[in-house]
Amino acid sequence: MNHNPLPPDDSWESDAVWRLLDQSPMKTASARFAADTVRLARLAVDDAPWWSRLFAPAPIAGLAGVTAALSFAAFFWLGPMSESDAPLAALQSAQAVAIQEIAETETLIAAADHLDDFSDKELISLIGF
């Protein structure tokens, strides 16, 4: 526990650090201080982490181009699917209709709880007008 009384308000002027600063010689900035500082900041290279280089625009564009080329090659090599090869989905079954109604109800409840998150057009489309 500190038993020393609190110093008066002008105690910062008599502080040992301030006395040392008063005794130190004054340094002035050169005429090119700002230009040198900006040049050093531009020359300082910040190494980006490896994962951010993967998401840079150039690798993403290359990846997108390779993916598009592979998909076109697969499409022309395998050929388009005929209607008989397409998988059949039973979207009109009773279970699918029940799941759709539950999803719509949950979306309406979420919209009612957070009205500010939805625009007027979105709310109208949710209601079904």
N, C-alpha and C. Protein backbone atom coordinates (compact mmCIF):
# COMPACT_ATOMS: atom_id res chain seq x y z
N MET A 1 0.84 -1.18 0.00
CA MET A 1 0.00 0.00 0.00
C MET A 1 0.88 1.24 0.00
N ASN A 2 0.52 2.22 -0.78
CA ASN A 2 1.30 3.44 -0.91
C ASN A 2 0.84 4.44 0.14
N HIS A 3 1.79 4.84 1.01
CA HIS A 3 1.44 5.77 2.08
C HIS A 3 1.88 7.19 1.77
N ASN A 4 2.42 7.41 0.57
CA ASN A 4 2.85 8.75 0.19
C ASN A 4 1.63 9.59 -0.14
N PRO A 5 1.66 10.86 0.29
CA PRO A 5 0.51 11.72 -0.04
C PRO A 5 0.51 12.03 -1.53
N LEU A 6 -0.65 12.38 -2.02
CA LEU A 6 -0.78 12.74 -3.42
C LEU A 6 -0.01 14.04 -3.69
N PRO A 7 0.73 14.10 -4.79
CA PRO A 7 1.49 15.32 -5.10
C PRO A 7 0.56 16.45 -5.54
N PRO A 8 1.01 17.69 -5.40
CA PRO A 8 0.17 18.81 -5.86
C PRO A 8 0.05 18.78 -7.38
N ASP A 9 -0.82 19.63 -7.91
CA ASP A 9 -1.11 19.63 -9.34
C ASP A 9 0.09 20.01 -10.21
N ASP A 10 1.03 20.80 -9.70
CA ASP A 10 2.18 21.21 -10.48
C ASP A 10 3.36 20.24 -10.32
N SER A 11 3.09 19.04 -9.83
CA SER A 11 4.16 18.07 -9.60
C SER A 11 4.76 17.56 -10.91
N TRP A 12 4.02 17.61 -11.99
CA TRP A 12 4.55 17.13 -13.26
C TRP A 12 5.71 18.00 -13.74
N GLU A 13 5.74 19.26 -13.33
CA GLU A 13 6.86 20.14 -13.71
C GLU A 13 8.14 19.79 -12.96
N SER A 14 8.02 19.23 -11.77
CA SER A 14 9.20 18.89 -11.00
C SER A 14 9.54 17.40 -11.09
N ASP A 15 8.95 16.71 -12.00
CA ASP A 15 9.21 15.29 -12.19
C ASP A 15 10.63 15.10 -12.75
N ALA A 16 11.28 14.01 -12.37
CA ALA A 16 12.66 13.76 -12.79
C ALA A 16 12.76 13.56 -14.30
N VAL A 17 11.78 12.94 -14.92
CA VAL A 17 11.81 12.73 -16.36
C VAL A 17 11.73 14.07 -17.08
N TRP A 18 10.85 14.95 -16.62
CA TRP A 18 10.73 16.25 -17.27
C TRP A 18 12.01 17.06 -17.09
N ARG A 19 12.67 16.94 -15.92
CA ARG A 19 13.93 17.65 -15.71
C ARG A 19 15.00 17.13 -16.68
N LEU A 20 15.03 15.82 -16.90
CA LEU A 20 16.00 15.28 -17.85
C LEU A 20 15.69 15.75 -19.27
N LEU A 21 14.42 15.80 -19.63
CA LEU A 21 14.05 16.29 -20.95
C LEU A 21 14.42 17.76 -21.13
N ASP A 22 14.29 18.56 -20.08
CA ASP A 22 14.66 19.97 -20.15
C ASP A 22 16.16 20.13 -20.37
N GLN A 23 16.97 19.20 -19.83
CA GLN A 23 18.42 19.29 -19.94
C GLN A 23 18.93 18.75 -21.28
N SER A 24 18.15 17.97 -21.97
CA SER A 24 18.61 17.36 -23.21
C SER A 24 18.67 18.41 -24.32
N PRO A 25 19.62 18.20 -25.27
CA PRO A 25 19.72 19.18 -26.36
C PRO A 25 18.52 19.05 -27.30
N MET A 26 18.14 20.17 -27.89
CA MET A 26 16.99 20.20 -28.78
C MET A 26 17.39 19.63 -30.14
N LYS A 27 16.57 18.74 -30.69
CA LYS A 27 16.80 18.17 -32.01
C LYS A 27 15.80 18.81 -32.96
N THR A 28 16.28 19.21 -34.12
CA THR A 28 15.39 19.79 -35.12
C THR A 28 15.35 18.84 -36.31
N ALA A 29 14.22 18.79 -36.94
CA ALA A 29 14.05 17.93 -38.10
C ALA A 29 14.68 18.59 -39.31
N SER A 30 15.23 17.76 -40.19
CA SER A 30 15.83 18.29 -41.40
C SER A 30 14.75 18.78 -42.36
N ALA A 31 15.16 19.47 -43.39
CA ALA A 31 14.19 19.99 -44.35
C ALA A 31 13.53 18.87 -45.14
N ARG A 32 14.20 17.73 -45.29
CA ARG A 32 13.66 16.62 -46.04
C ARG A 32 13.08 15.53 -45.13
N PHE A 33 12.75 15.86 -43.89
CA PHE A 33 12.26 14.86 -42.95
C PHE A 33 10.98 14.19 -43.45
N ALA A 34 10.01 14.99 -43.90
CA ALA A 34 8.74 14.42 -44.36
C ALA A 34 8.95 13.57 -45.62
N ALA A 35 9.74 14.05 -46.56
CA ALA A 35 9.98 13.29 -47.79
C ALA A 35 10.71 11.99 -47.50
N ASP A 36 11.70 12.05 -46.60
CA ASP A 36 12.43 10.83 -46.24
C ASP A 36 11.54 9.83 -45.53
N THR A 37 10.66 10.32 -44.67
CA THR A 37 9.76 9.42 -43.95
C THR A 37 8.79 8.74 -44.90
N VAL A 38 8.24 9.49 -45.85
CA VAL A 38 7.31 8.91 -46.83
C VAL A 38 8.05 7.90 -47.70
N ARG A 39 9.29 8.21 -48.12
CA ARG A 39 10.06 7.29 -48.95
C ARG A 39 10.35 6.00 -48.19
N LEU A 40 10.73 6.10 -46.92
CA LEU A 40 10.99 4.90 -46.13
C LEU A 40 9.72 4.07 -45.93
N ALA A 41 8.59 4.74 -45.78
CA ALA A 41 7.33 4.01 -45.61
C ALA A 41 6.96 3.27 -46.90
N ARG A 42 7.25 3.89 -48.04
CA ARG A 42 6.95 3.23 -49.31
C ARG A 42 7.88 2.06 -49.57
N LEU A 43 9.13 2.20 -49.12
CA LEU A 43 10.10 1.13 -49.35
C LEU A 43 9.94 -0.04 -48.39
N ALA A 44 9.29 0.20 -47.27
CA ALA A 44 9.08 -0.87 -46.30
C ALA A 44 8.11 -1.88 -46.89
N VAL A 45 8.55 -3.09 -47.09
CA VAL A 45 7.73 -4.13 -47.69
C VAL A 45 7.13 -4.95 -46.56
N ASP A 46 5.82 -5.00 -46.56
CA ASP A 46 5.11 -5.81 -45.57
C ASP A 46 4.82 -7.16 -46.20
N ASP A 47 5.47 -8.20 -45.72
CA ASP A 47 5.25 -9.53 -46.27
C ASP A 47 3.84 -9.99 -45.93
N ALA A 48 3.11 -10.28 -46.96
CA ALA A 48 1.73 -10.76 -46.77
C ALA A 48 1.77 -12.24 -46.40
N PRO A 49 0.86 -12.70 -45.57
CA PRO A 49 0.83 -14.12 -45.24
C PRO A 49 0.50 -14.95 -46.48
N TRP A 50 0.87 -16.21 -46.44
CA TRP A 50 0.73 -17.08 -47.61
C TRP A 50 -0.72 -17.21 -48.04
N TRP A 51 -1.66 -17.21 -47.09
CA TRP A 51 -3.05 -17.43 -47.45
C TRP A 51 -3.63 -16.21 -48.17
N SER A 52 -3.13 -15.01 -47.89
CA SER A 52 -3.67 -13.84 -48.58
C SER A 52 -3.18 -13.78 -50.03
N ARG A 53 -2.02 -14.37 -50.31
CA ARG A 53 -1.54 -14.42 -51.69
C ARG A 53 -2.40 -15.36 -52.53
N LEU A 54 -3.02 -16.35 -51.91
CA LEU A 54 -3.89 -17.25 -52.65
C LEU A 54 -5.16 -16.55 -53.12
N PHE A 55 -5.61 -15.56 -52.33
CA PHE A 55 -6.84 -14.86 -52.65
C PHE A 55 -6.60 -13.56 -53.39
N ALA A 56 -5.39 -13.35 -53.87
CA ALA A 56 -5.08 -12.14 -54.66
C ALA A 56 -5.83 -12.23 -55.99
N PRO A 57 -6.05 -11.09 -56.65
CA PRO A 57 -6.82 -11.11 -57.90
C PRO A 57 -6.21 -11.98 -59.00
N ALA A 58 -4.89 -11.98 -59.15
CA ALA A 58 -4.28 -12.74 -60.25
C ALA A 58 -4.48 -14.25 -60.07
N PRO A 59 -4.20 -14.84 -58.90
CA PRO A 59 -4.46 -16.29 -58.78
C PRO A 59 -5.93 -16.65 -58.91
N ILE A 60 -6.82 -15.79 -58.44
CA ILE A 60 -8.25 -16.09 -58.55
C ILE A 60 -8.67 -16.07 -60.02
N ALA A 61 -8.16 -15.10 -60.79
CA ALA A 61 -8.50 -15.05 -62.21
C ALA A 61 -7.96 -16.28 -62.93
N GLY A 62 -6.74 -16.68 -62.61
CA GLY A 62 -6.18 -17.88 -63.22
C GLY A 62 -6.96 -19.12 -62.85
N LEU A 63 -7.35 -19.22 -61.59
CA LEU A 63 -8.14 -20.37 -61.14
C LEU A 63 -9.50 -20.40 -61.83
N ALA A 64 -10.11 -19.23 -61.99
CA ALA A 64 -11.41 -19.17 -62.67
C ALA A 64 -11.27 -19.57 -64.14
N GLY A 65 -10.19 -19.13 -64.77
CA GLY A 65 -9.97 -19.49 -66.17
C GLY A 65 -9.74 -20.98 -66.36
N VAL A 66 -8.94 -21.58 -65.47
CA VAL A 66 -8.69 -23.02 -65.55
C VAL A 66 -9.97 -23.80 -65.30
N THR A 67 -10.76 -23.35 -64.32
CA THR A 67 -12.02 -24.03 -64.03
C THR A 67 -12.97 -23.95 -65.21
N ALA A 68 -13.05 -22.79 -65.84
CA ALA A 68 -13.93 -22.65 -67.01
C ALA A 68 -13.45 -23.54 -68.16
N ALA A 69 -12.14 -23.59 -68.38
CA ALA A 69 -11.61 -24.43 -69.46
C ALA A 69 -11.89 -25.90 -69.19
N LEU A 70 -11.72 -26.34 -67.95
CA LEU A 70 -12.00 -27.73 -67.61
C LEU A 70 -13.48 -28.06 -67.76
N SER A 71 -14.35 -27.13 -67.37
CA SER A 71 -15.78 -27.41 -67.49
C SER A 71 -16.21 -27.47 -68.96
N PHE A 72 -15.66 -26.58 -69.80
CA PHE A 72 -15.97 -26.66 -71.23
C PHE A 72 -15.45 -27.96 -71.83
N ALA A 73 -14.23 -28.35 -71.42
CA ALA A 73 -13.66 -29.59 -71.95
C ALA A 73 -14.50 -30.79 -71.53
N ALA A 74 -14.93 -30.81 -70.28
CA ALA A 74 -15.76 -31.92 -69.80
C ALA A 74 -17.11 -31.93 -70.51
N PHE A 75 -17.67 -30.74 -70.77
CA PHE A 75 -18.96 -30.66 -71.44
C PHE A 75 -18.86 -31.21 -72.86
N PHE A 76 -17.82 -30.81 -73.59
CA PHE A 76 -17.68 -31.29 -74.97
C PHE A 76 -17.21 -32.73 -75.04
N TRP A 77 -16.44 -33.17 -74.07
CA TRP A 77 -15.94 -34.55 -74.09
C TRP A 77 -17.04 -35.53 -73.71
N LEU A 78 -17.80 -35.20 -72.64
CA LEU A 78 -18.86 -36.08 -72.18
C LEU A 78 -20.16 -35.86 -72.96
N GLY A 79 -20.36 -34.66 -73.47
CA GLY A 79 -21.59 -34.37 -74.21
C GLY A 79 -22.69 -33.94 -73.25
N PRO A 80 -23.68 -33.25 -73.76
CA PRO A 80 -24.78 -32.81 -72.90
C PRO A 80 -25.62 -34.01 -72.45
N MET A 81 -26.21 -33.87 -71.28
CA MET A 81 -27.06 -34.94 -70.76
C MET A 81 -28.41 -34.88 -71.44
N SER A 82 -28.92 -36.01 -71.74
CA SER A 82 -30.28 -36.05 -72.29
C SER A 82 -31.27 -36.05 -71.13
N GLU A 83 -32.53 -35.86 -71.44
CA GLU A 83 -33.53 -35.79 -70.39
C GLU A 83 -33.67 -37.12 -69.66
N SER A 84 -33.39 -38.21 -70.34
CA SER A 84 -33.50 -39.51 -69.67
C SER A 84 -32.36 -39.72 -68.68
N ASP A 85 -31.21 -39.04 -68.88
CA ASP A 85 -30.08 -39.18 -67.95
C ASP A 85 -30.21 -38.28 -66.74
N ALA A 86 -31.03 -37.25 -66.81
CA ALA A 86 -31.15 -36.29 -65.72
C ALA A 86 -31.80 -36.95 -64.51
N PRO A 87 -31.31 -36.65 -63.33
CA PRO A 87 -31.94 -37.23 -62.13
C PRO A 87 -33.32 -36.65 -61.92
N LEU A 88 -34.21 -37.48 -61.50
CA LEU A 88 -35.59 -37.05 -61.26
C LEU A 88 -35.74 -36.61 -59.82
N ALA A 89 -36.38 -35.49 -59.61
CA ALA A 89 -36.61 -34.99 -58.27
C ALA A 89 -38.11 -34.91 -58.04
N ALA A 90 -38.55 -35.44 -56.95
CA ALA A 90 -39.97 -35.44 -56.63
C ALA A 90 -40.28 -34.20 -55.80
N LEU A 91 -40.44 -33.05 -56.50
CA LEU A 91 -40.68 -31.80 -55.79
C LEU A 91 -42.15 -31.63 -55.43
N GLN A 92 -43.01 -32.41 -56.01
CA GLN A 92 -44.42 -32.25 -55.72
C GLN A 92 -44.92 -33.29 -54.72
N SER A 93 -44.02 -33.98 -54.08
CA SER A 93 -44.45 -34.97 -53.09
C SER A 93 -44.97 -34.24 -51.85
N ALA A 94 -45.68 -34.96 -51.02
CA ALA A 94 -46.27 -34.37 -49.82
C ALA A 94 -45.18 -33.90 -48.86
N GLN A 95 -44.09 -34.64 -48.78
CA GLN A 95 -43.00 -34.25 -47.88
C GLN A 95 -42.33 -32.96 -48.36
N ALA A 96 -42.13 -32.84 -49.68
CA ALA A 96 -41.50 -31.63 -50.21
C ALA A 96 -42.39 -30.41 -49.98
N VAL A 97 -43.69 -30.57 -50.14
CA VAL A 97 -44.61 -29.46 -49.92
C VAL A 97 -44.60 -29.05 -48.44
N ALA A 98 -44.57 -30.04 -47.53
CA ALA A 98 -44.54 -29.75 -46.10
C ALA A 98 -43.24 -29.03 -45.73
N ILE A 99 -42.13 -29.47 -46.28
CA ILE A 99 -40.84 -28.83 -45.98
C ILE A 99 -40.83 -27.40 -46.51
N GLN A 100 -41.40 -27.17 -47.69
CA GLN A 100 -41.47 -25.83 -48.25
C GLN A 100 -42.31 -24.91 -47.37
N GLU A 101 -43.44 -25.40 -46.87
CA GLU A 101 -44.29 -24.59 -45.99
C GLU A 101 -43.59 -24.25 -44.69
N ILE A 102 -42.86 -25.22 -44.13
CA ILE A 102 -42.12 -24.98 -42.88
C ILE A 102 -41.03 -23.93 -43.12
N ALA A 103 -40.33 -24.03 -44.23
CA ALA A 103 -39.28 -23.06 -44.54
C ALA A 103 -39.85 -21.65 -44.70
N GLU A 104 -40.98 -21.54 -45.39
CA GLU A 104 -41.61 -20.23 -45.56
C GLU A 104 -42.08 -19.66 -44.23
N THR A 105 -42.63 -20.51 -43.35
CA THR A 105 -43.07 -20.06 -42.04
C THR A 105 -41.89 -19.57 -41.21
N GLU A 106 -40.78 -20.30 -41.23
CA GLU A 106 -39.59 -19.90 -40.48
C GLU A 106 -39.03 -18.57 -41.01
N THR A 107 -39.08 -18.38 -42.32
CA THR A 107 -38.59 -17.14 -42.90
C THR A 107 -39.48 -15.97 -42.49
N LEU A 108 -40.78 -16.17 -42.48
CA LEU A 108 -41.69 -15.12 -42.04
C LEU A 108 -41.49 -14.78 -40.57
N ILE A 109 -41.25 -15.78 -39.74
CA ILE A 109 -41.00 -15.52 -38.31
C ILE A 109 -39.71 -14.73 -38.14
N ALA A 110 -38.68 -15.10 -38.88
CA ALA A 110 -37.41 -14.36 -38.80
C ALA A 110 -37.59 -12.93 -39.28
N ALA A 111 -38.39 -12.73 -40.32
CA ALA A 111 -38.64 -11.39 -40.83
C ALA A 111 -39.43 -10.56 -39.82
N ALA A 112 -40.37 -11.19 -39.14
CA ALA A 112 -41.16 -10.47 -38.13
C ALA A 112 -40.28 -10.07 -36.95
N ASP A 113 -39.31 -10.90 -36.60
CA ASP A 113 -38.42 -10.59 -35.48
C ASP A 113 -37.41 -9.50 -35.83
N HIS A 114 -37.03 -9.41 -37.10
CA HIS A 114 -36.00 -8.46 -37.53
C HIS A 114 -36.49 -7.68 -38.75
N LEU A 115 -37.49 -6.83 -38.54
CA LEU A 115 -38.10 -6.08 -39.65
C LEU A 115 -37.11 -5.12 -40.29
N ASP A 116 -36.18 -4.57 -39.51
CA ASP A 116 -35.24 -3.59 -40.05
C ASP A 116 -34.25 -4.21 -41.03
N ASP A 117 -34.06 -5.52 -40.97
CA ASP A 117 -33.10 -6.19 -41.85
C ASP A 117 -33.65 -6.42 -43.25
N PHE A 118 -34.95 -6.23 -43.45
CA PHE A 118 -35.58 -6.52 -44.73
C PHE A 118 -36.12 -5.23 -45.34
N SER A 119 -36.01 -5.12 -46.66
CA SER A 119 -36.60 -3.97 -47.35
C SER A 119 -38.09 -4.23 -47.56
N ASP A 120 -38.79 -3.19 -48.01
CA ASP A 120 -40.23 -3.33 -48.25
C ASP A 120 -40.51 -4.35 -49.35
N LYS A 121 -39.70 -4.35 -50.40
CA LYS A 121 -39.90 -5.30 -51.49
C LYS A 121 -39.70 -6.73 -51.01
N GLU A 122 -38.70 -6.94 -50.16
CA GLU A 122 -38.46 -8.29 -49.65
C GLU A 122 -39.62 -8.76 -48.76
N LEU A 123 -40.13 -7.85 -47.93
CA LEU A 123 -41.26 -8.23 -47.07
C LEU A 123 -42.50 -8.54 -47.90
N ILE A 124 -42.74 -7.77 -48.94
CA ILE A 124 -43.91 -8.04 -49.80
C ILE A 124 -43.76 -9.37 -50.51
N SER A 125 -42.56 -9.68 -50.97
CA SER A 125 -42.36 -10.97 -51.64
C SER A 125 -42.48 -12.13 -50.66
N LEU A 126 -42.10 -11.90 -49.38
CA LEU A 126 -42.27 -12.97 -48.40
C LEU A 126 -43.75 -13.23 -48.10
N ILE A 127 -44.53 -12.16 -48.06
CA ILE A 127 -45.95 -12.33 -47.79
C ILE A 127 -46.66 -12.99 -48.95
N GLY A 128 -46.19 -12.71 -50.17
CA GLY A 128 -46.74 -13.39 -51.32
C GLY A 128 -47.66 -12.56 -52.17
N PHE A 129 -47.61 -11.24 -52.07
CA PHE A 129 -48.46 -10.39 -52.91
C PHE A 129 -47.87 -10.25 -54.27
